[in-house]
Protein backbone atom coordinates (compact mmCIF):
# COMPACT_ATOMS: atom_id res chain seq x y z
CA MET A 1 2.62 1.98 70.22
CA ARG A 2 3.34 3.82 66.98
CA ILE A 3 3.15 7.50 66.21
CA TYR A 4 2.04 8.76 62.81
CA HIS A 5 2.63 12.42 61.95
CA VAL A 6 -0.16 13.65 59.70
CA ASP A 7 -1.24 17.06 58.43
CA VAL A 8 -4.93 16.55 59.15
CA THR A 9 -5.85 19.59 57.06
CA ARG A 10 -4.87 17.72 53.89
CA ALA A 11 -7.31 14.97 52.89
CA THR A 12 -4.72 13.12 50.81
CA ASP A 13 -2.34 12.97 53.79
CA VAL A 14 -5.10 11.62 56.03
CA TYR A 15 -6.09 8.94 53.50
CA ALA A 16 -2.46 7.86 52.95
CA SER A 17 -1.84 7.68 56.70
CA ALA A 18 -5.02 5.67 57.19
CA GLU A 19 -3.75 3.13 54.67
CA ARG A 20 -0.38 2.97 56.48
CA VAL A 21 -2.12 2.43 59.82
CA ARG A 22 -4.30 -0.36 58.42
CA HIS A 23 -1.25 -1.97 56.82
CA ASP A 24 0.92 -1.68 59.95
CA LEU A 25 -1.66 -2.38 62.66
CA GLY A 26 -4.72 -3.92 61.02
CA GLN A 27 -8.35 -2.90 61.33
CA VAL A 28 -9.00 0.25 63.34
CA THR A 29 -11.90 -0.18 65.75
CA ILE A 30 -11.78 3.20 67.48
CA LEU A 31 -11.04 6.58 65.98
CA VAL A 32 -10.57 9.55 68.30
CA ALA A 33 -10.36 12.88 66.49
CA ASN A 34 -8.98 15.35 68.99
CA ALA A 35 -7.06 17.87 66.89
CA GLY A 36 -7.87 21.49 67.54
CA TYR A 37 -6.41 24.86 66.66
CA VAL A 38 -7.26 28.22 68.20
CA SER A 39 -5.07 31.27 67.78
CA GLY A 40 -6.84 33.47 70.31
CA ARG A 41 -6.88 36.52 68.05
CA SER A 42 -10.02 38.31 66.92
CA LEU A 43 -11.41 37.91 63.43
CA LEU A 44 -10.20 41.37 62.39
CA THR A 45 -6.61 40.74 63.50
CA GLU A 46 -6.42 37.12 62.37
CA SER A 47 -4.45 36.37 59.21
CA ASP A 48 -6.20 34.61 56.34
CA ILE A 49 -3.72 31.75 56.65
CA ASP A 50 -4.63 31.24 60.33
CA ILE A 51 -8.34 31.32 59.50
CA GLU A 52 -7.83 28.66 56.83
CA ARG A 53 -5.74 26.57 59.25
CA THR A 54 -8.40 26.86 61.97
CA PHE A 55 -11.11 25.79 59.55
CA GLY A 56 -8.98 22.95 58.20
CA VAL A 57 -8.10 21.51 61.61
CA ASN A 58 -11.39 22.11 63.46
CA SER A 59 -13.98 21.60 60.73
CA LEU A 60 -12.53 19.61 57.83
CA SER A 61 -10.11 17.18 59.48
CA PRO A 62 -12.85 15.21 61.30
CA ILE A 63 -14.57 14.75 57.93
CA TRP A 64 -11.35 13.45 56.29
CA LEU A 65 -10.76 11.09 59.24
CA ILE A 66 -14.29 9.71 59.17
CA LYS A 67 -14.12 9.19 55.41
CA ALA A 68 -10.82 7.36 55.82
CA PHE A 69 -11.85 4.97 58.60
CA LEU A 70 -15.65 4.63 58.84
CA PRO A 71 -16.20 2.52 55.69
CA TYR A 72 -13.92 -0.19 57.11
CA MET A 73 -15.68 -0.07 60.46
CA LEU A 74 -19.03 -0.48 58.73
CA ASP A 75 -17.72 -3.43 56.70
CA ALA A 76 -16.46 -5.08 59.89
CA ASN A 77 -19.71 -4.18 61.68
CA ARG A 78 -17.74 -2.83 64.61
CA GLY A 79 -16.00 0.32 65.66
CA HIS A 80 -16.42 3.66 67.36
CA VAL A 81 -15.79 7.22 66.23
CA VAL A 82 -15.21 9.86 68.90
CA ILE A 83 -15.02 13.50 67.87
CA ILE A 84 -13.65 15.79 70.57
CA SER A 85 -14.70 19.39 70.16
CA SER A 86 -15.24 22.42 72.33
CA VAL A 87 -18.16 23.67 74.34
CA LEU A 88 -17.94 26.64 71.97
CA GLY A 89 -19.87 24.48 69.48
CA MET A 90 -22.83 24.51 71.86
CA LYS A 91 -22.77 27.99 73.35
CA ASN A 92 -21.61 31.20 71.75
CA LEU A 93 -19.20 33.24 73.80
CA ASN A 94 -18.79 36.69 72.30
CA ILE A 95 -15.05 36.72 72.90
CA HIS A 96 -14.60 33.67 70.67
CA PHE A 97 -17.24 34.11 67.98
CA ARG A 98 -14.89 33.05 65.18
CA ASN A 99 -13.85 29.85 66.96
CA THR A 100 -17.46 29.13 67.89
CA SER A 101 -18.37 28.88 64.21
CA PHE A 102 -15.64 26.31 63.55
CA PHE A 103 -16.68 24.05 66.41
CA PHE A 104 -20.34 24.46 65.46
CA ASN A 105 -19.40 23.37 61.92
CA ILE A 106 -18.48 19.88 63.12
CA ARG A 107 -21.10 19.39 65.85
CA TYR A 108 -24.11 19.17 63.57
CA PRO A 109 -22.57 16.99 60.85
CA CYS A 110 -21.64 14.55 63.63
CA LEU A 111 -25.23 14.48 64.86
CA SER A 112 -26.40 13.89 61.32
CA TRP A 113 -23.91 11.05 60.78
CA SER A 114 -24.93 9.50 64.08
CA ASN A 115 -28.59 9.50 63.03
CA LYS A 116 -27.72 8.06 59.61
CA LEU A 117 -25.67 5.26 61.19
CA CYS A 118 -28.57 4.45 63.48
CA LEU A 119 -30.74 4.00 60.41
CA ILE A 120 -28.11 1.79 58.76
CA GLN A 121 -27.54 -0.27 61.91
CA THR A 122 -31.22 -0.12 63.03
CA CYS A 123 -30.46 1.38 66.46
């Protein structure tokens, strides 16, 4: 087992780490994106830096990870992508309305990608 420390909010870091993983371990056949960041503060008391971090981790990092690994899975005609998110992406809870939007931001792109892959792979 190897551990790779990556700032998943930075696309260039994700892409460089993906190359290192492929070089060190070979073809990736399963990608589990499970990073999440929630500060617990309300929108009005949240700092701009924390809002950007929340958006970067919860909404953008799955996109960078998929871009880094999915093309190789498609070329190999095998692989799985698992995006772990929160129930907040499905149901709005008033106490977490800011976090709900971030989890919602990744839920529907994933559904869209899933449908597109079905068309490519003729599911």
